[in-house]
Amino acid sequence: MWTKTKSLFLSRILTFAAGGVFLILTFFVPALVKYYESASAAVGLLKGSIFIPMCVGLYTAELFGFIALWSLNRLLVNIGRENVFIKENVSCLRSISWMCMLAACSFAVMALWRIIFILPALFAAMLGLILRVLKNVFEKAVKIKSENDFTI
């Protein structure tokens, strides 16, 4: 039977797996970029080699991804400890949403060389926006919970 504890455990495992995939991809970014540059057409506002801008953009987006995964893990640990509506979780959601927005900016810059990068930029921005709304809901819930804690 599937339980809340198993679901939380699976979420933490998937978070660590995503971090592992990010870590492994770190070593292959230059080779992947070189392959992508040779296989794609230069469709964008800026012409020329995309190797340096794409490597910098991907490493930057990856850094934001690692920070978001770290915050997500902290959030999952708190939920596992039955600490759901606390300020630290609001802070975690805020951090994750900002990291998504910053990753969107990184992809948007890469879209200057290859227009296809507008898709991950839009996806990351939308995810950041959704998480921002969720953060606002959590923030309100924390306020209501703290007010209820002081009520007899």
C-alpha atoms as a PDB file:
ATOM      1  CA  MET A   1       0.000   0.000   0.000  1.00  0.00           C
ATOM      2  CA  TRP A   2       1.249   3.453  -0.902  1.00  0.00           C
ATOM      3  CA  THR A   3       1.604   5.739   2.126  1.00  0.00           C
ATOM      4  CA  LYS A   4       2.547   9.340   2.786  1.00  0.00           C
ATOM      5  CA  THR A   5       5.909   8.201   4.169  1.00  0.00           C
ATOM      6  CA  LYS A   6       6.713   6.192   1.041  1.00  0.00           C
ATOM      7  CA  SER A   7       5.715   9.103  -1.171  1.00  0.00           C
ATOM      8  CA  LEU A   8       7.967  11.472   0.756  1.00  0.00           C
ATOM      9  CA  PHE A   9      10.818   8.959   0.584  1.00  0.00           C
ATOM     10  CA  LEU A  10      10.355   8.622  -3.188  1.00  0.00           C
ATOM     11  CA  SER A  11      10.386  12.414  -3.554  1.00  0.00           C
ATOM     12  CA  ARG A  12      13.685  12.640  -1.666  1.00  0.00           C
ATOM     13  CA  ILE A  13      15.191   9.804  -3.742  1.00  0.00           C
ATOM     14  CA  LEU A  14      14.142  11.552  -6.973  1.00  0.00           C
ATOM     15  CA  THR A  15      15.613  14.831  -5.697  1.00  0.00           C
ATOM     16  CA  PHE A  16      18.958  13.147  -5.055  1.00  0.00           C
ATOM     17  CA  ALA A  17      18.751  11.348  -8.418  1.00  0.00           C
ATOM     18  CA  ALA A  18      18.192  14.677 -10.201  1.00  0.00           C
ATOM     19  CA  GLY A  19      21.207  16.088  -8.367  1.00  0.00           C
ATOM     20  CA  GLY A  20      23.248  13.083  -9.478  1.00  0.00           C
ATOM     21  CA  VAL A  21      22.186  13.537 -13.090  1.00  0.00           C
ATOM     22  CA  PHE A  22      23.104  17.238 -12.886  1.00  0.00           C
ATOM     23  CA  LEU A  23      26.486  16.321 -11.436  1.00  0.00           C
ATOM     24  CA  ILE A  24      27.207  13.770 -14.171  1.00  0.00           C
ATOM     25  CA  LEU A  25      26.074  16.177 -16.914  1.00  0.00           C
ATOM     26  CA  THR A  26      28.479  18.789 -15.538  1.00  0.00           C
ATOM     27  CA  PHE A  27      31.370  16.825 -16.974  1.00  0.00           C
ATOM     28  CA  PHE A  28      29.746  16.398 -20.388  1.00  0.00           C
ATOM     29  CA  VAL A  29      28.541  19.967 -21.032  1.00  0.00           C
ATOM     30  CA  PRO A  30      31.432  20.939 -23.363  1.00  0.00           C
ATOM     31  CA  ALA A  31      31.077  17.763 -25.457  1.00  0.00           C
ATOM     32  CA  LEU A  32      27.294  18.110 -25.637  1.00  0.00           C
ATOM     33  CA  VAL A  33      27.563  21.778 -26.625  1.00  0.00           C
ATOM     34  CA  LYS A  34      30.140  20.966 -29.310  1.00  0.00           C
ATOM     35  CA  TYR A  35      27.827  18.298 -30.726  1.00  0.00           C
ATOM     36  CA  TYR A  36      24.778  20.589 -30.549  1.00  0.00           C
ATOM     37  CA  GLU A  37      26.669  23.408 -32.289  1.00  0.00           C
ATOM     38  CA  SER A  38      27.671  21.144 -35.166  1.00  0.00           C
ATOM     39  CA  ALA A  39      24.197  19.618 -35.526  1.00  0.00           C
ATOM     40  CA  SER A  40      22.055  22.763 -35.286  1.00  0.00           C
ATOM     41  CA  ALA A  41      21.411  25.662 -37.588  1.00  0.00           C
ATOM     42  CA  ALA A  42      22.319  29.148 -36.402  1.00  0.00           C
ATOM     43  CA  VAL A  43      18.799  30.527 -35.991  1.00  0.00           C
ATOM     44  CA  GLY A  44      18.857  33.465 -33.627  1.00  0.00           C
ATOM     45  CA  LEU A  45      19.546  37.165 -33.354  1.00  0.00           C
ATOM     46  CA  LEU A  46      23.274  36.691 -32.825  1.00  0.00           C
ATOM     47  CA  LYS A  47      25.456  34.751 -35.235  1.00  0.00           C
ATOM     48  CA  GLY A  48      28.721  33.003 -34.598  1.00  0.00           C
ATOM     49  CA  SER A  49      29.895  30.273 -32.292  1.00  0.00           C
ATOM     50  CA  ILE A  50      27.554  29.382 -29.474  1.00  0.00           C
ATOM     51  CA  PHE A  51      30.141  27.242 -27.637  1.00  0.00           C
ATOM     52  CA  ILE A  52      31.193  29.740 -24.946  1.00  0.00           C
ATOM     53  CA  PRO A  53      27.775  31.361 -24.368  1.00  0.00           C
ATOM     54  CA  MET A  54      26.030  27.999 -24.201  1.00  0.00           C
ATOM     55  CA  CYS A  55      28.609  26.464 -21.835  1.00  0.00           C
ATOM     56  CA  VAL A  56      28.367  29.492 -19.544  1.00  0.00           C
ATOM     57  CA  GLY A  57      24.567  29.501 -19.779  1.00  0.00           C
ATOM     58  CA  LEU A  58      24.240  25.784 -19.047  1.00  0.00           C
ATOM     59  CA  TYR A  59      26.687  25.880 -16.137  1.00  0.00           C
ATOM     60  CA  THR A  60      24.848  28.896 -14.735  1.00  0.00           C
ATOM     61  CA  ALA A  61      21.452  27.222 -15.107  1.00  0.00           C
ATOM     62  CA  GLU A  62      22.895  24.089 -13.529  1.00  0.00           C
ATOM     63  CA  LEU A  63      24.089  26.082 -10.515  1.00  0.00           C
ATOM     64  CA  PHE A  64      20.576  27.483 -10.108  1.00  0.00           C
ATOM     65  CA  GLY A  65      19.250  23.930 -10.429  1.00  0.00           C
ATOM     66  CA  PHE A  66      21.543  22.670  -7.665  1.00  0.00           C
ATOM     67  CA  ILE A  67      20.423  25.471  -5.358  1.00  0.00           C
ATOM     68  CA  ALA A  68      16.773  24.690  -6.130  1.00  0.00           C
ATOM     69  CA  LEU A  69      17.327  20.978  -5.432  1.00  0.00           C
ATOM     70  CA  TRP A  70      19.029  21.823  -2.130  1.00  0.00           C
ATOM     71  CA  SER A  71      16.044  23.955  -1.117  1.00  0.00           C
ATOM     72  CA  LEU A  72      13.638  21.253  -2.261  1.00  0.00           C
ATOM     73  CA  ASN A  73      15.453  18.696  -0.116  1.00  0.00           C
ATOM     74  CA  ARG A  74      15.213  21.015   2.924  1.00  0.00           C
ATOM     75  CA  LEU A  75      11.492  21.418   2.230  1.00  0.00           C
ATOM     76  CA  LEU A  76      10.999  17.647   2.034  1.00  0.00           C
ATOM     77  CA  VAL A  77      12.950  17.103   5.268  1.00  0.00           C
ATOM     78  CA  ASN A  78      10.730  19.629   7.046  1.00  0.00           C
ATOM     79  CA  ILE A  79       7.588  17.992   5.713  1.00  0.00           C
ATOM     80  CA  GLY A  80       8.905  14.612   6.867  1.00  0.00           C
ATOM     81  CA  ARG A  81       9.274  16.060  10.363  1.00  0.00           C
ATOM     82  CA  GLU A  82       5.640  17.219  10.241  1.00  0.00           C
ATOM     83  CA  ASN A  83       6.747  20.873   9.998  1.00  0.00           C
ATOM     84  CA  VAL A  84       4.655  21.972   7.049  1.00  0.00           C
ATOM     85  CA  PHE A  85       3.481  25.522   7.666  1.00  0.00           C
ATOM     86  CA  ILE A  86       6.684  27.127   8.918  1.00  0.00           C
ATOM     87  CA  LYS A  87       8.690  30.129   7.751  1.00  0.00           C
ATOM     88  CA  GLU A  88      11.593  27.980   6.601  1.00  0.00           C
ATOM     89  CA  ASN A  89       9.351  26.244   4.052  1.00  0.00           C
ATOM     90  CA  VAL A  90       8.235  29.616   2.731  1.00  0.00           C
ATOM     91  CA  SER A  91      11.906  30.517   2.393  1.00  0.00           C
ATOM     92  CA  CYS A  92      12.578  27.249   0.534  1.00  0.00           C
ATOM     93  CA  LEU A  93       9.730  27.881  -1.907  1.00  0.00           C
ATOM     94  CA  ARG A  94      10.931  31.464  -2.416  1.00  0.00           C
ATOM     95  CA  SER A  95      14.432  30.226  -3.177  1.00  0.00           C
ATOM     96  CA  ILE A  96      13.205  27.576  -5.622  1.00  0.00           C
ATOM     97  CA  SER A  97      11.009  30.086  -7.448  1.00  0.00           C
ATOM     98  CA  TRP A  98      13.885  32.575  -7.770  1.00  0.00           C
ATOM     99  CA  MET A  99      16.218  29.856  -9.025  1.00  0.00           C
ATOM    100  CA  CYS A 100      13.648  28.937 -11.699  1.00  0.00           C
ATOM    101  CA  MET A 101      13.374  32.585 -12.743  1.00  0.00           C
ATOM    102  CA  LEU A 102      17.159  32.971 -12.896  1.00  0.00           C
ATOM    103  CA  ALA A 103      17.484  29.760 -14.915  1.00  0.00           C
ATOM    104  CA  ALA A 104      14.842  31.188 -17.267  1.00  0.00           C
ATOM    105  CA  CYS A 105      17.029  34.263 -17.718  1.00  0.00           C
ATOM    106  CA  SER A 106      20.028  32.059 -18.463  1.00  0.00           C
ATOM    107  CA  PHE A 107      18.086  30.170 -21.135  1.00  0.00           C
ATOM    108  CA  ALA A 108      16.687  33.425 -22.532  1.00  0.00           C
ATOM    109  CA  VAL A 109      20.242  34.691 -23.061  1.00  0.00           C
ATOM    110  CA  MET A 110      21.115  31.457 -24.884  1.00  0.00           C
ATOM    111  CA  ALA A 111      18.010  32.016 -27.047  1.00  0.00           C
ATOM    112  CA  LEU A 112      19.829  34.991 -28.584  1.00  0.00           C
ATOM    113  CA  TRP A 113      22.046  32.465 -30.401  1.00  0.00           C
ATOM    114  CA  ARG A 114      19.554  29.625 -30.836  1.00  0.00           C
ATOM    115  CA  ILE A 115      15.851  30.440 -30.719  1.00  0.00           C
ATOM    116  CA  ILE A 116      14.975  26.942 -29.461  1.00  0.00           C
ATOM    117  CA  PHE A 117      16.179  27.943 -25.973  1.00  0.00           C
ATOM    118  CA  ILE A 118      13.119  30.141 -25.617  1.00  0.00           C
ATOM    119  CA  LEU A 119      11.166  26.951 -24.768  1.00  0.00           C
ATOM    120  CA  PRO A 120      13.118  25.990 -21.623  1.00  0.00           C
ATOM    121  CA  ALA A 121      13.195  29.702 -20.713  1.00  0.00           C
ATOM    122  CA  LEU A 122       9.389  29.882 -20.867  1.00  0.00           C
ATOM    123  CA  PHE A 123       9.036  26.571 -19.012  1.00  0.00           C
ATOM    124  CA  ALA A 124      11.377  27.677 -16.206  1.00  0.00           C
ATOM    125  CA  ALA A 125       9.651  31.074 -15.949  1.00  0.00           C
ATOM    126  CA  MET A 126       6.219  29.422 -15.757  1.00  0.00           C
ATOM    127  CA  LEU A 127       7.437  26.986 -13.100  1.00  0.00           C
ATOM    128  CA  GLY A 128       8.922  29.906 -11.161  1.00  0.00           C
ATOM    129  CA  LEU A 129       5.630  31.776 -11.371  1.00  0.00           C
ATOM    130  CA  ILE A 130       3.630  28.772 -10.147  1.00  0.00           C
ATOM    131  CA  LEU A 131       6.043  28.265  -7.265  1.00  0.00           C
ATOM    132  CA  ARG A 132       5.796  31.962  -6.431  1.00  0.00           C
ATOM    133  CA  VAL A 133       2.021  31.649  -6.109  1.00  0.00           C
ATOM    134  CA  LEU A 134       2.455  28.516  -3.995  1.00  0.00           C
ATOM    135  CA  LYS A 135       4.939  30.406  -1.820  1.00  0.00           C
ATOM    136  CA  ASN A 136       2.364  33.172  -1.286  1.00  0.00           C
ATOM    137  CA  VAL A 137      -0.252  30.591  -0.270  1.00  0.00           C
ATOM    138  CA  PHE A 138       2.186  28.981   2.172  1.00  0.00           C
ATOM    139  CA  GLU A 139       3.124  32.391   3.563  1.00  0.00           C
ATOM    140  CA  LYS A 140      -0.549  33.134   4.264  1.00  0.00           C
ATOM    141  CA  ALA A 141      -1.007  29.680   5.833  1.00  0.00           C
ATOM    142  CA  VAL A 142       1.993  30.260   8.123  1.00  0.00           C
ATOM    143  CA  LYS A 143       0.470  33.558   9.233  1.00  0.00           C
ATOM    144  CA  ILE A 144      -2.933  31.940   9.898  1.00  0.00           C
ATOM    145  CA  LYS A 145      -1.275  29.049  11.760  1.00  0.00           C
ATOM    146  CA  SER A 146       0.724  31.396  13.987  1.00  0.00           C
ATOM    147  CA  GLU A 147      -2.424  33.384  14.769  1.00  0.00           C
ATOM    148  CA  ASN A 148      -4.275  30.157  15.610  1.00  0.00           C
ATOM    149  CA  ASP A 149      -1.415  29.000  17.843  1.00  0.00           C
ATOM    150  CA  PHE A 150      -1.890  32.112  20.001  1.00  0.00           C
ATOM    151  CA  THR A 151      -5.655  31.581  20.250  1.00  0.00           C
ATOM    152  CA  ILE A 152      -6.967  29.583  23.192  1.00  0.00           C
END
